[in-house]
Amino acid sequence: MTRVCAQEIDIDSFEVNSEPRVSKNVGRLMVGIVIGFALVALYANIQKLRRAKIETVIFTPASAQSATPSPAPTR
């Protein structure tokens, strides 16, 4: 006695194997987002390179400053 557990299923192989298509608007949106990220990364790297010029600080020792006379204390 033989039992058949599965029946034959009619599947159109063209529908199963076809690649999903992306609409042109979605493709343009993805390209725009990638270009936006690239521009932000470029801007960040330029600012990183310019930071050394922007944040230049000159320290002068306290002894090099001119002494200002302090006012006489009042009683």
N, C-alpha and C. Protein backbone atom coordinates (compact mmCIF):
# COMPACT_ATOMS: atom_id res chain seq x y z
N MET A 1 0.84 -1.16 0.00
CA MET A 1 0.00 0.00 0.00
C MET A 1 0.90 1.24 0.00
N THR A 2 0.74 2.10 -0.97
CA THR A 2 1.56 3.29 -1.15
C THR A 2 0.69 4.52 -0.97
N ARG A 3 1.19 5.45 -0.19
CA ARG A 3 0.47 6.70 0.01
C ARG A 3 1.22 7.85 -0.65
N VAL A 4 0.49 8.77 -1.22
CA VAL A 4 1.08 9.95 -1.83
C VAL A 4 0.76 11.12 -0.90
N CYS A 5 1.82 11.76 -0.41
CA CYS A 5 1.63 12.86 0.54
C CYS A 5 1.54 14.22 -0.16
N ALA A 6 2.11 14.32 -1.32
CA ALA A 6 2.10 15.61 -2.01
C ALA A 6 1.46 15.44 -3.36
N GLN A 7 0.75 16.44 -3.74
CA GLN A 7 0.14 16.42 -5.05
C GLN A 7 0.97 17.29 -5.98
N GLU A 8 0.76 17.13 -7.25
CA GLU A 8 1.48 17.94 -8.23
C GLU A 8 0.90 19.35 -8.21
N ILE A 9 1.79 20.33 -8.11
CA ILE A 9 1.37 21.72 -8.06
C ILE A 9 1.83 22.40 -9.35
N ASP A 10 0.91 23.11 -9.96
CA ASP A 10 1.22 23.80 -11.21
C ASP A 10 1.71 25.22 -10.88
N ILE A 11 3.03 25.45 -11.02
CA ILE A 11 3.63 26.76 -10.74
C ILE A 11 4.26 27.26 -12.02
N ASP A 12 3.98 28.51 -12.31
CA ASP A 12 4.57 29.13 -13.49
C ASP A 12 6.00 29.55 -13.12
N SER A 13 7.00 28.90 -13.69
CA SER A 13 8.39 29.16 -13.33
C SER A 13 8.84 30.56 -13.76
N PHE A 14 8.22 31.15 -14.75
CA PHE A 14 8.58 32.50 -15.17
C PHE A 14 8.26 33.51 -14.06
N GLU A 15 7.15 33.33 -13.38
CA GLU A 15 6.77 34.24 -12.30
C GLU A 15 7.67 34.07 -11.08
N VAL A 16 8.12 32.87 -10.80
CA VAL A 16 8.92 32.61 -9.61
C VAL A 16 10.34 33.12 -9.79
N ASN A 17 10.95 32.94 -10.95
CA ASN A 17 12.34 33.27 -11.16
C ASN A 17 12.58 34.70 -11.64
N SER A 18 11.53 35.44 -11.90
CA SER A 18 11.74 36.80 -12.40
C SER A 18 12.26 37.69 -11.27
N GLU A 19 13.16 38.61 -11.62
CA GLU A 19 13.74 39.50 -10.62
C GLU A 19 12.74 40.61 -10.31
N PRO A 20 12.65 41.01 -9.06
CA PRO A 20 11.73 42.11 -8.72
C PRO A 20 12.25 43.42 -9.32
N ARG A 21 11.37 44.20 -9.86
CA ARG A 21 11.74 45.47 -10.48
C ARG A 21 11.51 46.61 -9.50
N VAL A 22 12.39 47.59 -9.53
CA VAL A 22 12.26 48.76 -8.69
C VAL A 22 11.82 49.91 -9.60
N SER A 23 10.84 50.67 -9.15
CA SER A 23 10.36 51.77 -9.98
C SER A 23 11.45 52.83 -10.12
N LYS A 24 11.33 53.64 -11.16
CA LYS A 24 12.35 54.66 -11.43
C LYS A 24 12.39 55.70 -10.32
N ASN A 25 11.25 56.03 -9.74
CA ASN A 25 11.23 57.03 -8.67
C ASN A 25 11.98 56.55 -7.43
N VAL A 26 11.82 55.27 -7.11
CA VAL A 26 12.52 54.72 -5.94
C VAL A 26 14.01 54.69 -6.22
N GLY A 27 14.39 54.33 -7.43
CA GLY A 27 15.81 54.32 -7.80
C GLY A 27 16.42 55.71 -7.72
N ARG A 28 15.68 56.71 -8.19
CA ARG A 28 16.18 58.08 -8.12
C ARG A 28 16.31 58.55 -6.68
N LEU A 29 15.35 58.16 -5.84
CA LEU A 29 15.41 58.52 -4.43
C LEU A 29 16.64 57.91 -3.77
N MET A 30 16.91 56.65 -4.05
CA MET A 30 18.08 55.99 -3.46
C MET A 30 19.38 56.65 -3.93
N VAL A 31 19.46 56.99 -5.21
CA VAL A 31 20.65 57.67 -5.72
C VAL A 31 20.79 59.04 -5.06
N GLY A 32 19.69 59.76 -4.87
CA GLY A 32 19.74 61.05 -4.20
C GLY A 32 20.22 60.95 -2.76
N ILE A 33 19.77 59.92 -2.06
CA ILE A 33 20.20 59.72 -0.67
C ILE A 33 21.69 59.41 -0.62
N VAL A 34 22.17 58.57 -1.53
CA VAL A 34 23.60 58.23 -1.56
C VAL A 34 24.43 59.48 -1.87
N ILE A 35 23.98 60.29 -2.82
CA ILE A 35 24.70 61.53 -3.14
C ILE A 35 24.70 62.47 -1.93
N GLY A 36 23.58 62.55 -1.23
CA GLY A 36 23.51 63.38 -0.02
C GLY A 36 24.49 62.93 1.05
N PHE A 37 24.57 61.63 1.29
CA PHE A 37 25.54 61.10 2.26
C PHE A 37 26.97 61.40 1.82
N ALA A 38 27.24 61.27 0.53
CA ALA A 38 28.59 61.55 0.03
C ALA A 38 28.96 63.02 0.23
N LEU A 39 28.01 63.93 0.00
CA LEU A 39 28.28 65.35 0.19
C LEU A 39 28.51 65.68 1.67
N VAL A 40 27.74 65.07 2.55
CA VAL A 40 27.93 65.30 3.99
C VAL A 40 29.29 64.77 4.44
N ALA A 41 29.68 63.60 3.94
CA ALA A 41 30.99 63.04 4.30
C ALA A 41 32.12 63.92 3.78
N LEU A 42 31.98 64.43 2.57
CA LEU A 42 33.00 65.32 2.01
C LEU A 42 33.11 66.60 2.83
N TYR A 43 31.98 67.18 3.18
CA TYR A 43 31.98 68.40 4.00
C TYR A 43 32.64 68.14 5.36
N ALA A 44 32.33 67.02 5.98
CA ALA A 44 32.90 66.69 7.29
C ALA A 44 34.41 66.54 7.20
N ASN A 45 34.90 65.90 6.15
CA ASN A 45 36.34 65.73 6.01
C ASN A 45 37.04 67.05 5.73
N ILE A 46 36.41 67.93 4.97
CA ILE A 46 37.01 69.25 4.73
C ILE A 46 37.09 70.04 6.04
N GLN A 47 36.02 69.99 6.83
CA GLN A 47 36.04 70.70 8.11
C GLN A 47 37.08 70.11 9.06
N LYS A 48 37.27 68.81 9.00
CA LYS A 48 38.27 68.16 9.85
C LYS A 48 39.67 68.63 9.48
N LEU A 49 39.92 68.79 8.18
CA LEU A 49 41.23 69.26 7.74
C LEU A 49 41.44 70.74 8.08
N ARG A 50 40.38 71.54 8.06
CA ARG A 50 40.48 72.96 8.36
C ARG A 50 40.51 73.25 9.86
N ARG A 51 40.20 72.28 10.67
CA ARG A 51 40.09 72.50 12.11
C ARG A 51 41.41 73.01 12.71
N ALA A 52 42.53 72.53 12.21
CA ALA A 52 43.82 72.95 12.75
C ALA A 52 44.01 74.46 12.59
N LYS A 53 43.55 75.04 11.49
CA LYS A 53 43.66 76.48 11.28
C LYS A 53 42.66 77.24 12.15
N ILE A 54 41.47 76.73 12.26
CA ILE A 54 40.40 77.44 12.96
C ILE A 54 40.67 77.51 14.46
N GLU A 55 41.17 76.45 15.05
CA GLU A 55 41.30 76.37 16.50
C GLU A 55 42.71 76.66 16.98
N THR A 56 43.43 77.56 16.34
CA THR A 56 44.76 77.94 16.79
C THR A 56 44.63 78.84 18.01
N VAL A 57 45.31 78.45 19.08
CA VAL A 57 45.27 79.20 20.33
C VAL A 57 46.69 79.56 20.71
N ILE A 58 46.92 80.80 21.10
CA ILE A 58 48.25 81.25 21.52
C ILE A 58 48.19 81.53 23.02
N PHE A 59 49.06 80.85 23.76
CA PHE A 59 49.14 81.05 25.20
C PHE A 59 50.30 81.98 25.51
N THR A 60 50.06 82.95 26.36
CA THR A 60 51.14 83.83 26.82
C THR A 60 51.32 83.58 28.31
N PRO A 61 52.55 83.44 28.74
CA PRO A 61 52.79 83.20 30.17
C PRO A 61 52.38 84.42 31.00
N ALA A 62 52.06 84.19 32.24
CA ALA A 62 51.59 85.26 33.11
C ALA A 62 52.69 86.29 33.36
N SER A 63 53.96 85.89 33.40
CA SER A 63 55.05 86.83 33.68
C SER A 63 55.27 87.78 32.51
N ALA A 64 54.82 87.46 31.32
CA ALA A 64 55.02 88.32 30.17
C ALA A 64 53.98 89.42 30.09
N GLN A 65 52.95 89.33 30.87
CA GLN A 65 51.91 90.36 30.84
C GLN A 65 52.39 91.58 31.60
N SER A 66 51.96 92.75 31.16
CA SER A 66 52.34 93.98 31.87
C SER A 66 51.55 94.05 33.17
N ALA A 67 52.23 94.46 34.19
CA ALA A 67 51.59 94.56 35.50
C ALA A 67 50.79 95.84 35.57
N THR A 68 49.56 95.74 35.97
CA THR A 68 48.72 96.92 36.12
C THR A 68 48.67 97.27 37.60
N PRO A 69 48.81 98.54 37.94
CA PRO A 69 48.76 98.89 39.37
C PRO A 69 47.38 98.67 39.94
N SER A 70 47.35 98.09 41.09
CA SER A 70 46.06 97.84 41.73
C SER A 70 45.67 99.08 42.56
N PRO A 71 44.43 99.37 42.67
CA PRO A 71 44.02 100.55 43.44
C PRO A 71 44.31 100.33 44.93
N ALA A 72 44.56 101.43 45.60
CA ALA A 72 44.87 101.34 47.02
C ALA A 72 43.61 100.93 47.78
N PRO A 73 43.77 100.03 48.75
CA PRO A 73 42.59 99.61 49.50
C PRO A 73 42.04 100.77 50.35
N THR A 74 40.77 100.88 50.41
CA THR A 74 40.12 101.92 51.21
C THR A 74 39.65 101.34 52.53
N ARG A 75 39.71 102.20 53.58
CA ARG A 75 39.29 101.75 54.91
C ARG A 75 38.05 102.40 55.34
